[in-house]
């Protein structure tokens, strides 16, 4: 007996056609997963809803709390941050109560402004 007799593949318990079918299924799953990566971005549209605006506000509010707790804000910056926080909260609550296109757009804009106020002093630190 030579070395080649030890190199034989073990015989599978599946019949021949089931082994081929299993291989075909695995190949099709792999191809379909790769095809999902090739979807164009124009088909994926993310529209803000009142619920996503609430989540975004909560995350931004946590960022603002961390910024205040860091202790590097001037008193006038804390006041601007509190005003932006209040405007973002009120606009998100208004969009939740009456979810019209204008209210959602207004809440989204106020949320972006709120994040801008949070990050405002970081910009000045980078410029120095």
C-alpha atoms as a PDB file:
ATOM      1  CA  UNK A   1       0.000   0.000   0.000  1.00  0.00           C
ATOM      2  CA  UNK A   2       1.330   3.300  -1.017  1.00  0.00           C
ATOM      3  CA  UNK A   3       0.934   6.778   0.319  1.00  0.00           C
ATOM      4  CA  UNK A   4      -1.882   7.562  -2.159  1.00  0.00           C
ATOM      5  CA  UNK A   5      -4.250   5.080  -0.545  1.00  0.00           C
ATOM      6  CA  UNK A   6      -4.299   7.224   2.602  1.00  0.00           C
ATOM      7  CA  UNK A   7      -5.134  10.390   0.644  1.00  0.00           C
ATOM      8  CA  UNK A   8      -8.566   9.290  -0.547  1.00  0.00           C
ATOM      9  CA  UNK A   9     -11.530  11.441   0.466  1.00  0.00           C
ATOM     10  CA  UNK A  10     -13.997   9.804   2.822  1.00  0.00           C
ATOM     11  CA  UNK A  11     -17.266   8.900   1.154  1.00  0.00           C
ATOM     12  CA  UNK A  12     -20.086  11.190   2.214  1.00  0.00           C
ATOM     13  CA  UNK A  13     -23.309   9.781   3.619  1.00  0.00           C
ATOM     14  CA  UNK A  14     -25.273  11.920   1.174  1.00  0.00           C
ATOM     15  CA  UNK A  15     -26.103  10.460  -2.211  1.00  0.00           C
ATOM     16  CA  UNK A  16     -24.327  11.961  -5.208  1.00  0.00           C
ATOM     17  CA  UNK A  17     -27.212  14.236  -6.356  1.00  0.00           C
ATOM     18  CA  UNK A  18     -27.723  15.610  -2.830  1.00  0.00           C
ATOM     19  CA  UNK A  19     -24.028  16.486  -2.574  1.00  0.00           C
ATOM     20  CA  UNK A  20     -24.288  18.380  -5.857  1.00  0.00           C
ATOM     21  CA  UNK A  21     -27.502  20.089  -4.699  1.00  0.00           C
ATOM     22  CA  UNK A  22     -25.856  21.141  -1.437  1.00  0.00           C
ATOM     23  CA  UNK A  23     -22.951  22.645  -3.358  1.00  0.00           C
ATOM     24  CA  UNK A  24     -25.323  24.427  -5.727  1.00  0.00           C
ATOM     25  CA  UNK A  25     -27.312  25.899  -2.808  1.00  0.00           C
ATOM     26  CA  UNK A  26     -24.153  27.152  -1.111  1.00  0.00           C
ATOM     27  CA  UNK A  27     -23.005  28.744  -4.353  1.00  0.00           C
ATOM     28  CA  UNK A  28     -26.372  30.440  -4.902  1.00  0.00           C
ATOM     29  CA  UNK A  29     -26.400  31.824  -1.356  1.00  0.00           C
ATOM     30  CA  UNK A  30     -22.891  33.216  -1.833  1.00  0.00           C
ATOM     31  CA  UNK A  31     -23.770  34.826  -5.154  1.00  0.00           C
ATOM     32  CA  UNK A  32     -26.964  36.364  -3.765  1.00  0.00           C
ATOM     33  CA  UNK A  33     -25.059  37.850  -0.810  1.00  0.00           C
ATOM     34  CA  UNK A  34     -22.535  39.399  -3.156  1.00  0.00           C
ATOM     35  CA  UNK A  35     -25.307  40.694  -5.402  1.00  0.00           C
ATOM     36  CA  UNK A  36     -26.790  42.520  -2.412  1.00  0.00           C
ATOM     37  CA  UNK A  37     -23.541  44.449  -2.083  1.00  0.00           C
ATOM     38  CA  UNK A  38     -23.940  45.716  -5.622  1.00  0.00           C
ATOM     39  CA  UNK A  39     -27.304  47.448  -5.027  1.00  0.00           C
ATOM     40  CA  UNK A  40     -27.230  51.034  -6.176  1.00  0.00           C
ATOM     41  CA  UNK A  41     -27.477  53.700  -3.508  1.00  0.00           C
ATOM     42  CA  UNK A  42     -30.306  55.461  -5.334  1.00  0.00           C
ATOM     43  CA  UNK A  43     -32.647  52.622  -4.412  1.00  0.00           C
ATOM     44  CA  UNK A  44     -31.927  52.993  -0.693  1.00  0.00           C
ATOM     45  CA  UNK A  45     -33.768  56.019   0.635  1.00  0.00           C
ATOM     46  CA  UNK A  46     -33.709  56.895   4.297  1.00  0.00           C
ATOM     47  CA  UNK A  47     -36.455  59.272   5.315  1.00  0.00           C
ATOM     48  CA  UNK A  48     -36.592  60.600   8.863  1.00  0.00           C
ATOM     49  CA  UNK A  49     -39.612  59.607  10.892  1.00  0.00           C
ATOM     50  CA  UNK A  50     -40.657  61.012  14.256  1.00  0.00           C
ATOM     51  CA  UNK A  51     -39.215  57.918  15.934  1.00  0.00           C
ATOM     52  CA  UNK A  52     -35.811  58.261  14.278  1.00  0.00           C
ATOM     53  CA  UNK A  53     -35.806  61.954  15.157  1.00  0.00           C
ATOM     54  CA  UNK A  54     -36.395  61.056  18.819  1.00  0.00           C
ATOM     55  CA  UNK A  55     -33.496  58.581  18.751  1.00  0.00           C
ATOM     56  CA  UNK A  56     -31.264  61.162  17.104  1.00  0.00           C
ATOM     57  CA  UNK A  57     -32.230  63.771  19.681  1.00  0.00           C
ATOM     58  CA  UNK A  58     -31.473  61.409  22.572  1.00  0.00           C
ATOM     59  CA  UNK A  59     -28.037  60.633  21.127  1.00  0.00           C
ATOM     60  CA  UNK A  60     -27.292  64.340  20.550  1.00  0.00           C
ATOM     61  CA  UNK A  61     -28.510  65.165  24.058  1.00  0.00           C
ATOM     62  CA  UNK A  62     -26.040  62.635  25.457  1.00  0.00           C
ATOM     63  CA  UNK A  63     -23.288  64.243  23.407  1.00  0.00           C
ATOM     64  CA  UNK A  64     -24.237  67.641  24.835  1.00  0.00           C
ATOM     65  CA  UNK A  65     -24.192  66.295  28.391  1.00  0.00           C
ATOM     66  CA  UNK A  66     -20.738  64.895  27.829  1.00  0.00           C
ATOM     67  CA  UNK A  67     -19.596  68.200  26.413  1.00  0.00           C
ATOM     68  CA  UNK A  68     -20.875  70.102  29.456  1.00  0.00           C
ATOM     69  CA  UNK A  69     -19.356  67.554  31.853  1.00  0.00           C
ATOM     70  CA  UNK A  70     -15.955  67.955  30.199  1.00  0.00           C
ATOM     71  CA  UNK A  71     -15.801  71.449  31.720  1.00  0.00           C
ATOM     72  CA  UNK A  72     -14.178  73.179  28.777  1.00  0.00           C
ATOM     73  CA  UNK A  73     -17.185  75.323  27.799  1.00  0.00           C
ATOM     74  CA  UNK A  74     -17.501  79.019  28.511  1.00  0.00           C
ATOM     75  CA  UNK A  75     -20.729  80.178  30.213  1.00  0.00           C
ATOM     76  CA  UNK A  76     -22.087  81.734  26.996  1.00  0.00           C
ATOM     77  CA  UNK A  77     -21.446  78.444  25.179  1.00  0.00           C
ATOM     78  CA  UNK A  78     -23.427  76.545  27.804  1.00  0.00           C
ATOM     79  CA  UNK A  79     -26.336  78.959  27.300  1.00  0.00           C
ATOM     80  CA  UNK A  80     -26.198  78.521  23.499  1.00  0.00           C
ATOM     81  CA  UNK A  81     -26.059  74.763  23.969  1.00  0.00           C
ATOM     82  CA  UNK A  82     -29.080  74.805  26.286  1.00  0.00           C
ATOM     83  CA  UNK A  83     -31.048  76.950  23.829  1.00  0.00           C
ATOM     84  CA  UNK A  84     -30.208  74.653  20.928  1.00  0.00           C
ATOM     85  CA  UNK A  85     -31.173  71.652  23.067  1.00  0.00           C
ATOM     86  CA  UNK A  86     -34.528  73.201  23.916  1.00  0.00           C
ATOM     87  CA  UNK A  87     -35.270  74.061  20.276  1.00  0.00           C
ATOM     88  CA  UNK A  88     -34.356  70.556  19.137  1.00  0.00           C
ATOM     89  CA  UNK A  89     -36.515  68.956  21.832  1.00  0.00           C
ATOM     90  CA  UNK A  90     -39.535  71.138  21.092  1.00  0.00           C
ATOM     91  CA  UNK A  91     -39.297  70.565  17.348  1.00  0.00           C
ATOM     92  CA  UNK A  92     -38.964  66.784  17.811  1.00  0.00           C
ATOM     93  CA  UNK A  93     -42.009  66.760  20.098  1.00  0.00           C
ATOM     94  CA  UNK A  94     -43.942  68.830  17.555  1.00  0.00           C
ATOM     95  CA  UNK A  95     -42.989  66.369  14.798  1.00  0.00           C
ATOM     96  CA  UNK A  96     -44.116  63.496  17.022  1.00  0.00           C
ATOM     97  CA  UNK A  97     -47.453  65.141  17.739  1.00  0.00           C
ATOM     98  CA  UNK A  98     -48.153  66.231  14.148  1.00  0.00           C
ATOM     99  CA  UNK A  99     -45.900  64.315  11.729  1.00  0.00           C
ATOM    100  CA  UNK A 100     -46.238  66.543   8.665  1.00  0.00           C
ATOM    101  CA  UNK A 101     -43.471  67.020   6.126  1.00  0.00           C
ATOM    102  CA  UNK A 102     -42.761  70.551   7.367  1.00  0.00           C
ATOM    103  CA  UNK A 103     -42.584  69.534  11.033  1.00  0.00           C
ATOM    104  CA  UNK A 104     -40.240  66.627  10.312  1.00  0.00           C
ATOM    105  CA  UNK A 105     -38.043  68.847   8.143  1.00  0.00           C
ATOM    106  CA  UNK A 106     -37.966  71.523  10.871  1.00  0.00           C
ATOM    107  CA  UNK A 107     -37.079  68.953  13.547  1.00  0.00           C
ATOM    108  CA  UNK A 108     -34.329  67.515  11.370  1.00  0.00           C
ATOM    109  CA  UNK A 109     -32.860  70.971  10.777  1.00  0.00           C
ATOM    110  CA  UNK A 110     -32.971  71.829  14.497  1.00  0.00           C
ATOM    111  CA  UNK A 111     -31.310  68.515  15.342  1.00  0.00           C
ATOM    112  CA  UNK A 112     -28.517  69.254  12.884  1.00  0.00           C
ATOM    113  CA  UNK A 113     -28.122  72.743  14.371  1.00  0.00           C
ATOM    114  CA  UNK A 114     -27.966  71.227  17.844  1.00  0.00           C
ATOM    115  CA  UNK A 115     -25.147  68.898  16.812  1.00  0.00           C
ATOM    116  CA  UNK A 116     -23.434  71.856  15.167  1.00  0.00           C
ATOM    117  CA  UNK A 117     -23.533  73.818  18.428  1.00  0.00           C
ATOM    118  CA  UNK A 118     -22.138  70.814  20.297  1.00  0.00           C
ATOM    119  CA  UNK A 119     -19.233  70.543  17.873  1.00  0.00           C
ATOM    120  CA  UNK A 120     -18.721  74.324  17.488  1.00  0.00           C
ATOM    121  CA  UNK A 121     -15.898  74.711  19.994  1.00  0.00           C
ATOM    122  CA  UNK A 122     -14.060  71.691  18.578  1.00  0.00           C
ATOM    123  CA  UNK A 123     -13.686  73.602  15.338  1.00  0.00           C
ATOM    124  CA  UNK A 124     -12.104  76.542  17.092  1.00  0.00           C
ATOM    125  CA  UNK A 125      -9.677  74.219  18.906  1.00  0.00           C
ATOM    126  CA  UNK A 126      -8.527  72.747  15.571  1.00  0.00           C
ATOM    127  CA  UNK A 127      -8.048  76.193  14.010  1.00  0.00           C
ATOM    128  CA  UNK A 128      -5.723  77.427  16.794  1.00  0.00           C
END
